[in-house]
N, C-alpha and C. Protein backbone atom coordinates (compact mmCIF):
# COMPACT_ATOMS: atom_id res chain seq x y z
N MET A 1 70.72 60.27 75.29
CA MET A 1 70.23 60.08 76.65
C MET A 1 69.09 61.06 76.89
N LEU A 2 68.02 60.54 77.44
CA LEU A 2 66.89 61.38 77.80
C LEU A 2 67.10 61.86 79.24
N VAL A 3 67.01 63.13 79.47
CA VAL A 3 67.17 63.70 80.80
C VAL A 3 65.84 64.31 81.23
N LEU A 4 65.35 63.91 82.40
CA LEU A 4 64.07 64.39 82.90
C LEU A 4 64.24 64.99 84.28
N ARG A 5 63.38 65.90 84.63
CA ARG A 5 63.29 66.42 86.00
C ARG A 5 62.01 65.87 86.59
N ARG A 6 62.10 65.31 87.77
CA ARG A 6 60.94 64.75 88.45
C ARG A 6 61.00 65.16 89.92
N ARG A 7 59.86 65.26 90.52
CA ARG A 7 59.76 65.57 91.95
C ARG A 7 59.34 64.31 92.69
N PRO A 8 59.57 64.27 94.01
CA PRO A 8 59.12 63.10 94.78
C PRO A 8 57.64 62.81 94.53
N GLY A 9 57.35 61.53 94.34
CA GLY A 9 55.99 61.10 94.06
C GLY A 9 55.68 60.98 92.58
N GLU A 10 56.51 61.62 91.74
CA GLU A 10 56.29 61.53 90.30
C GLU A 10 56.95 60.26 89.76
N LYS A 11 56.41 59.79 88.63
CA LYS A 11 56.86 58.52 88.07
C LYS A 11 57.30 58.67 86.62
N ILE A 12 58.06 57.69 86.19
CA ILE A 12 58.49 57.56 84.80
C ILE A 12 58.11 56.15 84.36
N ARG A 13 57.53 56.02 83.17
CA ARG A 13 57.16 54.70 82.64
C ARG A 13 58.11 54.33 81.51
N ILE A 14 58.53 53.08 81.52
CA ILE A 14 59.35 52.53 80.44
C ILE A 14 58.56 51.36 79.87
N GLY A 15 58.11 51.50 78.67
CA GLY A 15 57.28 50.47 78.07
C GLY A 15 55.97 50.34 78.84
N ASN A 16 55.38 49.16 78.78
CA ASN A 16 54.10 48.92 79.45
C ASN A 16 54.24 48.39 80.86
N ASP A 17 55.45 47.91 81.22
CA ASP A 17 55.52 47.19 82.48
C ASP A 17 56.66 47.59 83.42
N ILE A 18 57.30 48.72 83.18
CA ILE A 18 58.35 49.19 84.10
C ILE A 18 58.00 50.61 84.55
N THR A 19 57.99 50.79 85.87
CA THR A 19 57.70 52.10 86.45
C THR A 19 58.82 52.49 87.39
N ILE A 20 59.30 53.70 87.26
CA ILE A 20 60.31 54.26 88.16
C ILE A 20 59.66 55.41 88.90
N GLU A 21 59.71 55.37 90.23
CA GLU A 21 59.11 56.44 91.03
C GLU A 21 60.19 57.13 91.85
N ILE A 22 60.14 58.45 91.87
CA ILE A 22 61.04 59.22 92.72
C ILE A 22 60.43 59.20 94.12
N LEU A 23 61.12 58.59 95.06
CA LEU A 23 60.60 58.46 96.41
C LEU A 23 60.99 59.63 97.30
N GLU A 24 62.25 60.07 97.16
CA GLU A 24 62.73 61.12 98.07
C GLU A 24 63.98 61.76 97.49
N THR A 25 64.14 63.02 97.72
CA THR A 25 65.40 63.70 97.39
C THR A 25 65.92 64.32 98.68
N LYS A 26 67.21 64.16 98.88
CA LYS A 26 67.84 64.72 100.08
C LYS A 26 69.22 65.22 99.67
N GLY A 27 69.35 66.52 99.53
CA GLY A 27 70.62 67.07 99.05
C GLY A 27 70.88 66.59 97.64
N ARG A 28 72.02 65.94 97.45
CA ARG A 28 72.39 65.44 96.12
C ARG A 28 71.99 63.99 95.91
N GLN A 29 71.29 63.40 96.86
CA GLN A 29 70.88 62.00 96.74
C GLN A 29 69.41 61.90 96.37
N VAL A 30 69.10 60.88 95.59
CA VAL A 30 67.73 60.62 95.17
C VAL A 30 67.43 59.16 95.46
N ARG A 31 66.30 58.90 96.13
CA ARG A 31 65.84 57.53 96.35
C ARG A 31 64.78 57.24 95.30
N ILE A 32 64.96 56.12 94.60
CA ILE A 32 63.99 55.74 93.58
C ILE A 32 63.47 54.35 93.86
N GLY A 33 62.26 54.10 93.40
CA GLY A 33 61.67 52.77 93.46
C GLY A 33 61.44 52.30 92.03
N ILE A 34 61.71 51.03 91.79
CA ILE A 34 61.55 50.48 90.45
C ILE A 34 60.63 49.28 90.51
N GLU A 35 59.55 49.32 89.74
CA GLU A 35 58.66 48.19 89.60
C GLU A 35 58.87 47.61 88.22
N ALA A 36 59.24 46.32 88.18
CA ALA A 36 59.49 45.66 86.90
C ALA A 36 59.13 44.19 87.04
N PRO A 37 58.77 43.54 85.95
CA PRO A 37 58.47 42.11 86.01
C PRO A 37 59.70 41.31 86.43
N ASP A 38 59.47 40.13 86.98
CA ASP A 38 60.57 39.28 87.43
C ASP A 38 61.56 38.94 86.32
N ARG A 39 61.08 38.89 85.08
CA ARG A 39 61.94 38.52 83.96
C ARG A 39 62.94 39.64 83.61
N VAL A 40 62.75 40.83 84.17
CA VAL A 40 63.64 41.97 83.91
C VAL A 40 64.62 42.11 85.07
N SER A 41 65.90 42.04 84.75
CA SER A 41 66.93 42.18 85.76
C SER A 41 67.16 43.67 86.05
N VAL A 42 67.09 44.05 87.31
CA VAL A 42 67.34 45.44 87.72
C VAL A 42 68.51 45.41 88.69
N LEU A 43 69.64 45.96 88.27
CA LEU A 43 70.86 45.94 89.08
C LEU A 43 71.48 47.33 89.13
N ARG A 44 72.15 47.61 90.26
CA ARG A 44 73.00 48.80 90.29
C ARG A 44 74.14 48.57 89.31
N GLU A 45 74.62 49.63 88.68
CA GLU A 45 75.65 49.48 87.66
C GLU A 45 76.89 48.78 88.19
N GLU A 46 77.33 49.11 89.41
CA GLU A 46 78.55 48.49 89.93
C GLU A 46 78.39 46.98 90.11
N VAL A 47 77.19 46.53 90.46
CA VAL A 47 76.92 45.09 90.59
C VAL A 47 76.92 44.46 89.20
N PHE A 48 76.26 45.09 88.24
CA PHE A 48 76.23 44.59 86.87
C PHE A 48 77.65 44.44 86.31
N LEU A 49 78.50 45.46 86.50
CA LEU A 49 79.87 45.42 85.98
C LEU A 49 80.68 44.32 86.65
N LYS A 50 80.48 44.10 87.94
CA LYS A 50 81.20 43.04 88.66
C LYS A 50 80.80 41.67 88.11
N ILE A 51 79.52 41.44 87.90
CA ILE A 51 79.05 40.17 87.34
C ILE A 51 79.63 39.98 85.94
N GLU A 52 79.60 41.02 85.14
CA GLU A 52 80.14 40.95 83.78
C GLU A 52 81.62 40.59 83.80
N GLN A 53 82.37 41.20 84.71
CA GLN A 53 83.81 40.92 84.83
C GLN A 53 84.04 39.47 85.24
N GLU A 54 83.29 38.98 86.22
CA GLU A 54 83.44 37.59 86.67
C GLU A 54 83.07 36.60 85.58
N ASN A 55 82.06 36.94 84.78
CA ASN A 55 81.68 36.07 83.66
C ASN A 55 82.79 36.00 82.62
N ARG A 56 83.42 37.14 82.34
CA ARG A 56 84.52 37.14 81.38
C ARG A 56 85.69 36.30 81.88
N GLN A 57 86.00 36.43 83.18
CA GLN A 57 87.09 35.65 83.76
C GLN A 57 86.77 34.15 83.71
N ALA A 58 85.54 33.79 84.02
CA ALA A 58 85.15 32.38 83.99
C ALA A 58 85.24 31.82 82.58
N ALA A 59 84.89 32.62 81.59
CA ALA A 59 84.93 32.16 80.20
C ALA A 59 86.36 31.95 79.72
N GLN A 60 87.31 32.64 80.32
CA GLN A 60 88.71 32.51 79.92
C GLN A 60 89.45 31.44 80.71
N SER A 61 88.85 30.93 81.77
CA SER A 61 89.50 29.91 82.60
C SER A 61 89.54 28.59 81.85
N PRO A 62 90.67 27.89 81.95
CA PRO A 62 90.74 26.58 81.30
C PRO A 62 89.78 25.60 81.99
N VAL A 63 89.19 24.71 81.22
CA VAL A 63 88.25 23.72 81.75
C VAL A 63 88.95 22.39 81.87
N ASP A 64 88.81 21.77 83.04
CA ASP A 64 89.35 20.44 83.27
C ASP A 64 88.37 19.44 82.65
N PRO A 65 88.76 18.72 81.60
CA PRO A 65 87.82 17.82 80.93
C PRO A 65 87.30 16.69 81.81
N THR A 66 88.00 16.37 82.89
CA THR A 66 87.53 15.29 83.76
C THR A 66 86.28 15.69 84.52
N ILE A 67 86.06 17.00 84.66
CA ILE A 67 84.85 17.44 85.37
C ILE A 67 83.59 17.05 84.60
N LEU A 68 83.71 16.95 83.27
CA LEU A 68 82.57 16.56 82.46
C LEU A 68 82.13 15.13 82.75
N GLU A 69 83.07 14.29 83.16
CA GLU A 69 82.74 12.90 83.48
C GLU A 69 81.84 12.81 84.72
N GLU A 70 81.89 13.82 85.57
CA GLU A 70 81.11 13.81 86.80
C GLU A 70 79.67 14.30 86.61
N LEU A 71 79.39 14.90 85.46
CA LEU A 71 78.04 15.41 85.21
C LEU A 71 77.08 14.27 84.95
N PRO A 72 75.85 14.39 85.46
CA PRO A 72 74.87 13.32 85.19
C PRO A 72 74.49 13.28 83.72
N VAL A 73 74.24 12.08 83.24
CA VAL A 73 73.86 11.89 81.85
C VAL A 73 72.34 11.96 81.76
N MET A 74 71.83 12.82 80.87
CA MET A 74 70.38 12.94 80.69
C MET A 74 69.98 12.06 79.51
N GLU A 75 68.99 11.23 79.73
CA GLU A 75 68.55 10.33 78.66
C GLU A 75 67.17 10.70 78.18
């Protein structure tokens, strides 16, 4: 893990197209801004973990084969 110290207004670059800017520090909290292309998903970790958990649960759920009959047929 890379650990950096930054002050408000300073930025960190990741690759050519992701920028992280320190917007404000207040006590133990830090506000950051992230600029990234639309193709890059930027999520808080707790949201990412929740989505991952729901995807795992969905993958383990039994599928009712009759639901496939309701899907439109692509020709």
